[in-house]
Amino acid sequence: MASHTTVRAWPIMVGAAILLSLAMGIRQSLGLFMQPMTVSGITVADFTFSVAVQNVVWGLSQPFVGALADRYGFRKVSMTGAALYAAGILCAVFATGPLWLNLGTGPLLGIALSCTAASLNLSAAARSVPEARRSQVLGIVSAGGSLGTLIAAPLAQALMTHPQGWQMAMWAMFGLALLMLPAAFVMGRADEVPLPVKRGEATSFREVLREAMRRRAFLVMAGAFLVCGLQLVFLTTHLPTYLAMCGMDPMLSAQSLAVIGGFNIAGAYMWGWLGGIYPKHIMLGLLYILRSIAIAVFFVFPPSPVTTLVFAATMGMLWMGVSPLTAGLVSQMFGLRYMATVTSLAFLSHQVGSFLGAYGGGLILQSLGSYDRAWQLGVTIGLIAGTVQIVFGADSKPKPRLQPALA
């Protein structure tokens, strides 16, 4: 049977990183389309609602997609997701009103992201390496997953100066989405890696759910995960509009997203490395607190190009560092057999926060004419979540002993 030595880890890691990079790079660049699309028969509420629906569908479908990947394999599920991603972007290309926009960037992209984003990618990468290297490898894959934003955001912003404007930029996103198919195929080599069996390990979706709901450390981690989605989706959706309201050059938004992606390469690796040395639950809580402080400092003062790019660099160091820490905690608590399923259960909370960040931010702006209440709520919730994660997030249950996998 194949093993870690016969199924080489690096192709799985590269495939996972490229798939994650493209999926998140395109998704995090969608906020750049809000202003140009709102002069084409689409309102701000329409746009933010489609992003909110995307995040809700992503969160609701993720546990089931994770279970499908654990049962039928990563390759089939992730390649299906890549095809759905391209279809969703294609719908947005032809959107002249909320119907096609909501269909494409809403449910289609939501399901697609369940199949192509961090939950499945990190689970596949975790299978490819022994436990001693796992936290660092998860950090490497998360870091590689940042490169898409460096490409997608500047490309989209540059193409919006074309006579066809945002449609041309959306066609470019469609082209990037097609590249996800071969990356998903290569990542699917993780299906060939045998899994060690843990005594007492859950053997069905129902047992996994029951065990997760009884584990305090998992419930704390999942609950605190809400703040991650709230803060990041608020920024990717609304930062371009906020900067435009402050009179900043539109290109600054794309530059900021690219800087976030660039610094996230170092940040994700750093947090994965730290998670291999220090308690992951403490590192996770500290990350939430530092991110909340950075948001508060940025929004308190009027933005400038310099402060915006410094803020973007700071957020990049704190952006996807959550991914290796949460994935590492799940593998420690539950093992690898149902890692995609359990990680997906936690991710449901993340997507509730994403809905609040996208749609709630739009509602606050539309009602009050500013983002002040939105960022203040995001900072407050982040500080509370980080503190709770540090104080109550330690896992008190002993780790199950490993049994050899049957040949």
Protein backbone atom coordinates (compact mmCIF):
# COMPACT_ATOMS: atom_id res chain seq x y z
CA MET A 1 0.00 0.00 0.00
CA ALA A 2 1.12 3.55 -0.63
CA SER A 3 2.61 5.49 2.24
CA HIS A 4 4.11 8.86 3.03
CA THR A 5 7.34 7.63 1.46
CA THR A 6 5.83 6.28 -1.78
CA VAL A 7 3.26 9.01 -2.35
CA ARG A 8 5.50 12.05 -2.43
CA ALA A 9 4.15 14.96 -0.43
CA TRP A 10 5.32 17.84 -2.58
CA PRO A 11 2.93 17.35 -5.56
CA ILE A 12 -0.01 17.21 -3.15
CA MET A 13 1.23 20.32 -1.36
CA VAL A 14 1.79 22.22 -4.62
CA GLY A 15 -1.62 21.22 -6.00
CA ALA A 16 -3.32 22.20 -2.74
CA ALA A 17 -1.50 25.54 -2.60
CA ILE A 18 -2.31 26.44 -6.23
CA LEU A 19 -5.96 25.46 -5.84
CA LEU A 20 -6.26 27.45 -2.62
CA SER A 21 -4.38 30.37 -4.16
CA LEU A 22 -6.69 30.66 -7.16
CA ALA A 23 -9.91 30.05 -5.21
CA MET A 24 -9.14 32.64 -2.54
CA GLY A 25 -7.39 35.09 -4.87
CA ILE A 26 -10.44 35.42 -7.11
CA ARG A 27 -12.84 35.49 -4.21
CA GLN A 28 -10.90 38.15 -2.29
CA SER A 29 -10.80 40.34 -5.41
CA LEU A 30 -14.57 40.44 -5.87
CA GLY A 31 -14.85 43.57 -3.73
CA LEU A 32 -13.07 45.47 -6.51
CA PHE A 33 -16.09 44.86 -8.75
CA MET A 34 -18.67 46.43 -6.43
CA GLN A 35 -18.27 50.05 -7.50
CA PRO A 36 -18.09 49.50 -11.29
CA MET A 37 -20.97 47.02 -11.23
CA THR A 38 -23.21 49.35 -9.25
CA VAL A 39 -23.38 51.70 -12.25
CA SER A 40 -24.66 48.83 -14.42
CA GLY A 41 -28.10 48.29 -12.90
CA ILE A 42 -26.85 46.55 -9.75
CA THR A 43 -27.13 48.22 -6.34
CA VAL A 44 -24.71 48.03 -3.40
CA ALA A 45 -27.33 45.98 -1.53
CA ASP A 46 -27.58 43.56 -4.48
CA PHE A 47 -23.82 43.07 -4.58
CA THR A 48 -23.31 42.65 -0.83
CA PHE A 49 -26.32 40.32 -0.66
CA SER A 50 -24.80 38.04 -3.31
CA VAL A 51 -21.52 37.91 -1.37
CA ALA A 52 -23.46 37.24 1.84
CA VAL A 53 -25.42 34.41 0.18
CA GLN A 54 -22.13 33.00 -1.11
CA ASN A 55 -20.76 32.85 2.41
CA VAL A 56 -23.91 31.30 3.88
CA VAL A 57 -24.05 28.62 1.17
CA TRP A 58 -20.32 28.03 1.59
CA GLY A 59 -20.76 27.53 5.32
CA LEU A 60 -23.88 25.34 5.09
CA SER A 61 -22.49 23.13 2.35
CA GLN A 62 -18.97 22.79 3.77
CA PRO A 63 -19.69 20.00 6.31
CA PHE A 64 -21.44 17.91 3.66
CA VAL A 65 -18.72 18.56 1.09
CA GLY A 66 -16.10 17.62 3.70
CA ALA A 67 -17.96 14.37 4.39
CA LEU A 68 -18.12 13.63 0.65
CA ALA A 69 -14.37 14.22 0.32
CA ASP A 70 -13.65 11.92 3.28
CA ARG A 71 -15.83 9.22 1.71
CA TYR A 72 -15.27 9.52 -2.05
CA GLY A 73 -11.91 11.27 -2.25
CA PHE A 74 -10.50 14.77 -2.66
CA ARG A 75 -9.98 14.55 -6.42
CA LYS A 76 -13.61 14.03 -7.41
CA VAL A 77 -14.95 16.66 -5.03
CA SER A 78 -12.35 19.35 -5.71
CA MET A 79 -12.52 18.99 -9.51
CA THR A 80 -16.31 19.30 -9.36
CA GLY A 81 -15.87 22.42 -7.27
CA ALA A 82 -13.41 23.91 -9.76
CA ALA A 83 -15.94 23.43 -12.58
CA LEU A 84 -18.68 25.07 -10.49
CA TYR A 85 -16.33 27.97 -9.71
CA ALA A 86 -15.79 28.65 -13.42
CA ALA A 87 -19.55 28.41 -14.03
CA GLY A 88 -20.26 30.91 -11.26
CA ILE A 89 -17.80 33.45 -12.64
CA LEU A 90 -19.30 32.97 -16.11
CA CYS A 91 -22.74 33.87 -14.74
CA ALA A 92 -21.28 37.06 -13.26
CA VAL A 93 -19.74 38.00 -16.63
CA PHE A 94 -23.22 38.28 -18.15
CA ALA A 95 -24.93 39.82 -15.11
CA THR A 96 -26.92 42.97 -15.91
CA GLY A 97 -29.09 42.71 -12.80
CA PRO A 98 -29.25 40.89 -9.49
CA LEU A 99 -30.56 37.55 -10.83
CA TRP A 100 -27.42 36.29 -12.61
CA LEU A 101 -25.14 38.03 -10.13
CA ASN A 102 -26.84 36.35 -7.18
CA LEU A 103 -26.79 32.95 -8.90
CA GLY A 104 -23.15 33.14 -9.98
CA THR A 105 -21.37 34.82 -7.08
CA GLY A 106 -23.94 33.50 -4.59
CA PRO A 107 -24.77 29.77 -4.40
CA LEU A 108 -22.54 28.56 -7.26
CA LEU A 109 -19.42 30.18 -5.85
CA GLY A 110 -20.47 29.20 -2.33
CA ILE A 111 -20.57 25.48 -3.17
CA ALA A 112 -17.45 25.80 -5.30
CA LEU A 113 -15.49 27.33 -2.43
CA SER A 114 -16.56 24.46 -0.19
CA CYS A 115 -14.78 22.15 -2.64
CA THR A 116 -11.70 24.25 -3.41
CA ALA A 117 -10.80 26.38 -0.37
CA ALA A 118 -8.93 25.80 2.87
CA SER A 119 -10.94 23.00 4.55
CA LEU A 120 -10.30 20.39 1.86
CA ASN A 121 -6.89 21.66 0.76
CA LEU A 122 -5.37 21.63 4.22
CA SER A 123 -6.94 18.26 4.99
CA ALA A 124 -5.36 16.82 1.83
CA ALA A 125 -1.97 18.35 2.68
CA ALA A 126 -2.15 17.05 6.26
CA ARG A 127 -2.51 13.50 4.97
CA SER A 128 0.70 13.74 2.97
CA VAL A 129 3.11 14.24 5.88
CA PRO A 130 3.77 12.73 9.32
CA GLU A 131 2.43 14.48 12.39
CA ALA A 132 5.78 15.99 13.41
CA ARG A 133 5.87 18.10 10.21
CA ARG A 134 2.15 18.76 9.90
CA SER A 135 1.84 22.23 11.45
CA GLN A 136 4.73 23.60 9.39
CA VAL A 137 3.39 22.04 6.17
CA LEU A 138 -0.06 23.49 6.80
CA GLY A 139 1.61 26.87 7.17
CA ILE A 140 3.47 26.39 3.88
CA VAL A 141 0.30 25.49 1.97
CA SER A 142 -1.58 28.41 3.51
CA ALA A 143 1.31 30.69 2.56
CA GLY A 144 1.30 29.44 -1.02
CA GLY A 145 -2.43 30.02 -1.07
CA SER A 146 -1.77 33.76 -0.85
CA LEU A 147 -0.19 34.09 -4.26
CA GLY A 148 -3.56 34.24 -6.05
CA THR A 149 -4.39 37.61 -4.53
CA LEU A 150 -1.08 38.99 -5.77
CA ILE A 151 -2.19 38.07 -9.30
CA ALA A 152 -5.97 38.41 -9.31
CA ALA A 153 -6.40 41.80 -7.61
CA PRO A 154 -3.95 43.87 -9.73
CA LEU A 155 -5.06 42.04 -12.90
CA ALA A 156 -8.72 42.80 -12.25
CA GLN A 157 -8.09 46.45 -11.40
CA ALA A 158 -5.88 46.97 -14.46
CA LEU A 159 -8.42 45.40 -16.84
CA MET A 160 -11.22 47.61 -15.53
CA THR A 161 -9.68 50.45 -17.54
CA HIS A 162 -10.49 48.47 -20.72
CA PRO A 163 -13.49 49.71 -22.78
CA GLN A 164 -15.46 46.66 -21.61
CA GLY A 165 -14.55 47.53 -18.03
CA TRP A 166 -15.47 45.08 -15.32
CA GLN A 167 -16.70 42.46 -17.83
CA MET A 168 -13.17 42.13 -19.24
CA ALA A 169 -11.80 41.80 -15.72
CA MET A 170 -14.39 39.14 -14.92
CA TRP A 171 -13.36 37.20 -18.05
CA ALA A 172 -9.82 37.17 -16.67
CA MET A 173 -11.17 35.72 -13.40
CA PHE A 174 -12.91 33.03 -15.46
CA GLY A 175 -9.58 32.15 -17.07
CA LEU A 176 -7.93 31.84 -13.66
CA ALA A 177 -10.79 29.65 -12.47
CA LEU A 178 -10.17 27.17 -15.29
CA LEU A 179 -6.60 26.70 -14.03
CA MET A 180 -8.06 25.26 -10.83
CA LEU A 181 -8.99 22.01 -12.60
CA PRO A 182 -5.45 20.63 -13.08
CA ALA A 183 -4.47 21.81 -9.58
CA ALA A 184 -7.41 19.88 -8.11
CA PHE A 185 -6.40 16.78 -10.07
CA VAL A 186 -2.85 16.86 -8.69
CA MET A 187 -4.04 17.51 -5.11
CA GLY A 188 -6.22 14.41 -5.46
CA ARG A 189 -3.11 12.24 -5.08
CA ALA A 190 -3.82 12.56 -1.34
CA ASP A 191 -6.52 9.92 -1.88
CA GLU A 192 -3.71 7.37 -2.34
CA VAL A 193 -2.25 7.96 1.15
CA PRO A 194 -3.37 5.41 3.78
CA LEU A 195 -4.57 6.72 7.10
CA PRO A 196 -3.49 5.63 10.58
CA VAL A 197 -6.44 4.47 12.68
CA LYS A 198 -6.98 5.85 16.16
CA ARG A 199 -8.61 3.79 18.87
CA GLY A 200 -12.01 5.15 19.66
CA GLU A 201 -12.02 7.21 16.48
CA ALA A 202 -15.48 8.01 15.09
CA THR A 203 -16.49 5.90 12.11
CA SER A 204 -19.45 7.84 10.72
CA PHE A 205 -20.59 11.41 10.09
CA ARG A 206 -23.07 11.12 12.96
CA GLU A 207 -20.42 9.95 15.41
CA VAL A 208 -18.06 12.72 14.31
CA LEU A 209 -20.78 15.30 14.87
CA ARG A 210 -21.62 13.89 18.29
CA GLU A 211 -17.98 13.83 19.39
CA ALA A 212 -17.36 17.38 18.14
CA MET A 213 -20.41 18.75 19.93
CA ARG A 214 -19.20 17.27 23.23
CA ARG A 215 -15.68 18.65 23.03
CA ARG A 216 -15.27 22.03 24.71
CA ALA A 217 -12.03 22.89 22.94
CA PHE A 218 -13.66 22.33 19.55
CA LEU A 219 -16.76 24.36 20.45
CA VAL A 220 -14.62 27.28 21.65
CA MET A 221 -12.48 27.15 18.51
CA ALA A 222 -15.53 26.97 16.24
CA GLY A 223 -17.29 29.81 18.06
CA ALA A 224 -14.25 32.07 17.96
CA PHE A 225 -13.83 31.23 14.26
CA LEU A 226 -16.85 33.48 13.59
CA VAL A 227 -14.72 36.57 14.09
CA CYS A 228 -12.26 35.47 11.42
CA GLY A 229 -14.95 35.40 8.73
CA LEU A 230 -16.55 38.61 9.97
CA GLN A 231 -13.36 40.68 9.88
CA LEU A 232 -11.80 39.32 6.68
CA VAL A 233 -14.92 39.39 4.53
CA PHE A 234 -15.77 42.86 5.81
CA LEU A 235 -12.37 44.04 4.63
CA THR A 236 -12.32 42.27 1.25
CA THR A 237 -15.88 43.41 0.47
CA HIS A 238 -15.91 46.93 1.88
CA LEU A 239 -12.33 48.22 2.02
CA PRO A 240 -12.37 49.31 -1.67
CA THR A 241 -15.59 51.28 -1.10
CA TYR A 242 -14.29 52.78 2.15
CA LEU A 243 -11.10 53.98 0.44
CA ALA A 244 -13.10 55.44 -2.45
CA MET A 245 -15.32 57.31 0.04
CA CYS A 246 -12.13 58.78 1.53
CA GLY A 247 -10.98 60.00 -1.89
CA MET A 248 -8.25 57.42 -2.42
CA ASP A 249 -7.10 56.28 -5.88
CA PRO A 250 -9.05 53.13 -6.95
CA MET A 251 -5.76 51.36 -7.68
CA LEU A 252 -4.88 51.62 -3.99
CA SER A 253 -7.56 49.00 -3.21
CA ALA A 254 -5.99 46.51 -5.60
CA GLN A 255 -2.53 47.33 -4.27
CA SER A 256 -3.76 46.77 -0.70
CA LEU A 257 -5.20 43.35 -1.55
CA ALA A 258 -1.96 42.43 -3.31
CA VAL A 259 0.09 43.56 -0.28
CA ILE A 260 -2.15 41.47 1.98
CA GLY A 261 -1.50 38.47 -0.25
CA GLY A 262 2.23 39.08 -0.34
CA PHE A 263 2.70 39.48 3.40
CA ASN A 264 0.33 36.58 4.06
CA ILE A 265 2.95 34.29 2.54
CA ALA A 266 5.26 35.07 5.45
CA GLY A 267 2.43 35.34 7.96
CA ALA A 268 0.80 31.99 7.23
CA TYR A 269 4.16 30.20 7.36
CA MET A 270 5.07 32.02 10.59
CA TRP A 271 1.84 31.05 12.38
CA GLY A 272 2.12 27.46 11.17
CA TRP A 273 5.69 27.35 12.53
CA LEU A 274 4.62 28.93 15.83
CA GLY A 275 1.79 26.40 16.10
CA GLY A 276 4.38 23.62 16.03
CA ILE A 277 6.22 25.14 19.00
CA TYR A 278 3.61 26.80 21.22
CA PRO A 279 0.02 25.77 22.15
CA LYS A 280 -2.09 26.32 19.05
CA HIS A 281 -5.14 27.58 20.94
CA ILE A 282 -3.08 30.39 22.51
CA MET A 283 -1.55 31.36 19.17
CA LEU A 284 -5.03 31.43 17.63
CA GLY A 285 -6.45 33.70 20.32
CA LEU A 286 -3.43 35.99 20.10
CA LEU A 287 -3.90 36.27 16.34
CA TYR A 288 -7.54 37.38 16.76
CA ILE A 289 -6.54 40.00 19.33
CA LEU A 290 -3.69 41.41 17.21
CA ARG A 291 -5.91 41.54 14.13
CA SER A 292 -8.62 43.43 16.04
CA ILE A 293 -6.09 45.97 17.34
CA ALA A 294 -4.76 46.55 13.80
CA ILE A 295 -8.27 47.18 12.45
CA ALA A 296 -9.06 49.62 15.25
CA VAL A 297 -5.85 51.60 14.71
CA PHE A 298 -6.43 51.87 10.96
CA PHE A 299 -10.04 53.02 11.08
CA VAL A 300 -9.59 55.49 13.93
CA PHE A 301 -7.44 57.75 11.75
CA PRO A 302 -8.14 59.12 8.23
CA PRO A 303 -6.47 56.82 5.68
CA SER A 304 -3.58 57.76 3.42
CA PRO A 305 -1.78 55.65 0.82
CA VAL A 306 1.05 54.98 3.27
CA THR A 307 -1.12 54.03 6.25
CA THR A 308 -3.35 51.90 4.03
CA LEU A 309 -0.42 49.87 2.69
CA VAL A 310 1.08 49.52 6.19
CA PHE A 311 -2.31 48.29 7.41
CA ALA A 312 -2.49 45.85 4.49
CA ALA A 313 0.97 44.50 5.31
CA THR A 314 -0.01 44.08 8.97
CA MET A 315 -3.25 42.30 8.06
CA GLY A 316 -1.33 40.11 5.63
CA MET A 317 0.81 38.83 8.49
CA LEU A 318 -2.42 37.99 10.35
CA TRP A 319 -4.62 36.92 7.43
CA MET A 320 -4.57 33.15 6.79
CA GLY A 321 -2.45 32.28 9.80
CA VAL A 322 -5.72 31.04 11.27
CA SER A 323 -5.84 28.17 8.75
CA PRO A 324 -2.81 26.11 9.86
CA LEU A 325 -3.71 26.67 13.52
CA THR A 326 -7.34 25.55 13.24
CA ALA A 327 -6.50 22.64 10.94
CA GLY A 328 -3.71 21.60 13.30
CA LEU A 329 -6.06 21.71 16.29
CA VAL A 330 -8.62 19.57 14.47
CA SER A 331 -6.02 16.94 13.52
CA GLN A 332 -4.80 16.84 17.11
CA MET A 333 -8.29 16.39 18.52
CA PHE A 334 -9.87 14.08 15.94
CA GLY A 335 -7.15 12.58 13.75
CA LEU A 336 -7.03 12.55 9.95
CA ARG A 337 -9.81 10.16 8.90
CA TYR A 338 -12.58 12.74 9.20
CA MET A 339 -10.43 15.86 9.31
CA ALA A 340 -12.19 17.44 6.32
CA THR A 341 -15.58 16.83 7.92
CA VAL A 342 -14.68 18.23 11.33
CA THR A 343 -12.80 21.22 9.92
CA SER A 344 -15.88 21.93 7.81
CA LEU A 345 -18.13 21.89 10.87
CA ALA A 346 -15.98 24.58 12.47
CA PHE A 347 -15.98 26.51 9.22
CA LEU A 348 -19.77 26.90 9.40
CA SER A 349 -19.23 29.40 12.21
CA HIS A 350 -16.65 31.23 10.09
CA GLN A 351 -19.22 31.66 7.35
CA VAL A 352 -21.85 33.03 9.71
CA GLY A 353 -19.30 35.71 10.48
CA SER A 354 -18.63 36.17 6.77
CA PHE A 355 -22.34 36.80 6.15
CA LEU A 356 -22.39 39.40 8.92
CA GLY A 357 -19.23 41.05 7.61
CA ALA A 358 -20.44 41.31 4.01
CA TYR A 359 -24.15 42.02 4.33
CA GLY A 360 -24.06 43.66 7.76
CA GLY A 361 -21.37 46.07 6.62
CA GLY A 362 -23.48 47.00 3.59
CA LEU A 363 -26.59 47.55 5.70
CA ILE A 364 -24.72 49.75 8.17
CA LEU A 365 -23.26 51.83 5.36
CA GLN A 366 -26.63 52.17 3.66
CA SER A 367 -28.40 53.08 6.93
CA LEU A 368 -25.84 55.32 8.61
CA GLY A 369 -23.75 56.54 5.69
CA SER A 370 -20.43 55.38 7.22
CA TYR A 371 -18.60 52.25 8.31
CA ASP A 372 -17.90 53.43 11.86
CA ARG A 373 -20.35 51.12 13.66
CA ALA A 374 -19.32 48.20 11.46
CA TRP A 375 -15.61 48.27 12.30
CA GLN A 376 -16.29 49.05 15.96
CA LEU A 377 -18.49 45.94 16.27
CA GLY A 378 -15.91 43.86 14.43
CA VAL A 379 -13.12 44.95 16.75
CA THR A 380 -15.16 44.37 19.91
CA ILE A 381 -16.22 40.88 18.86
CA GLY A 382 -12.63 40.07 17.85
CA LEU A 383 -11.16 41.05 21.21
CA ILE A 384 -13.78 38.99 23.06
CA ALA A 385 -13.29 35.95 20.81
CA GLY A 386 -9.50 36.07 21.14
CA THR A 387 -9.66 36.22 24.93
CA VAL A 388 -12.14 33.33 25.15
CA GLN A 389 -9.98 31.25 22.79
CA ILE A 390 -6.90 31.71 24.98
CA VAL A 391 -8.63 31.12 28.32
CA PHE A 392 -10.99 28.26 27.44
CA GLY A 393 -9.56 26.77 24.24
CA ALA A 394 -7.19 24.15 25.71
CA ASP A 395 -8.17 20.55 24.95
CA SER A 396 -8.57 18.58 28.18
CA LYS A 397 -9.19 15.19 26.53
CA PRO A 398 -6.23 12.81 26.12
CA LYS A 399 -5.08 12.16 22.60
CA PRO A 400 -6.09 8.69 21.30
CA ARG A 401 -3.29 6.21 20.67
CA LEU A 402 -2.54 5.23 17.08
CA GLN A 403 -3.16 1.79 15.63
CA PRO A 404 -1.52 0.65 12.41
CA ALA A 405 -3.74 0.97 9.36
CA LEU A 406 -4.84 -2.37 7.88
CA ALA A 407 -3.16 -3.26 4.61
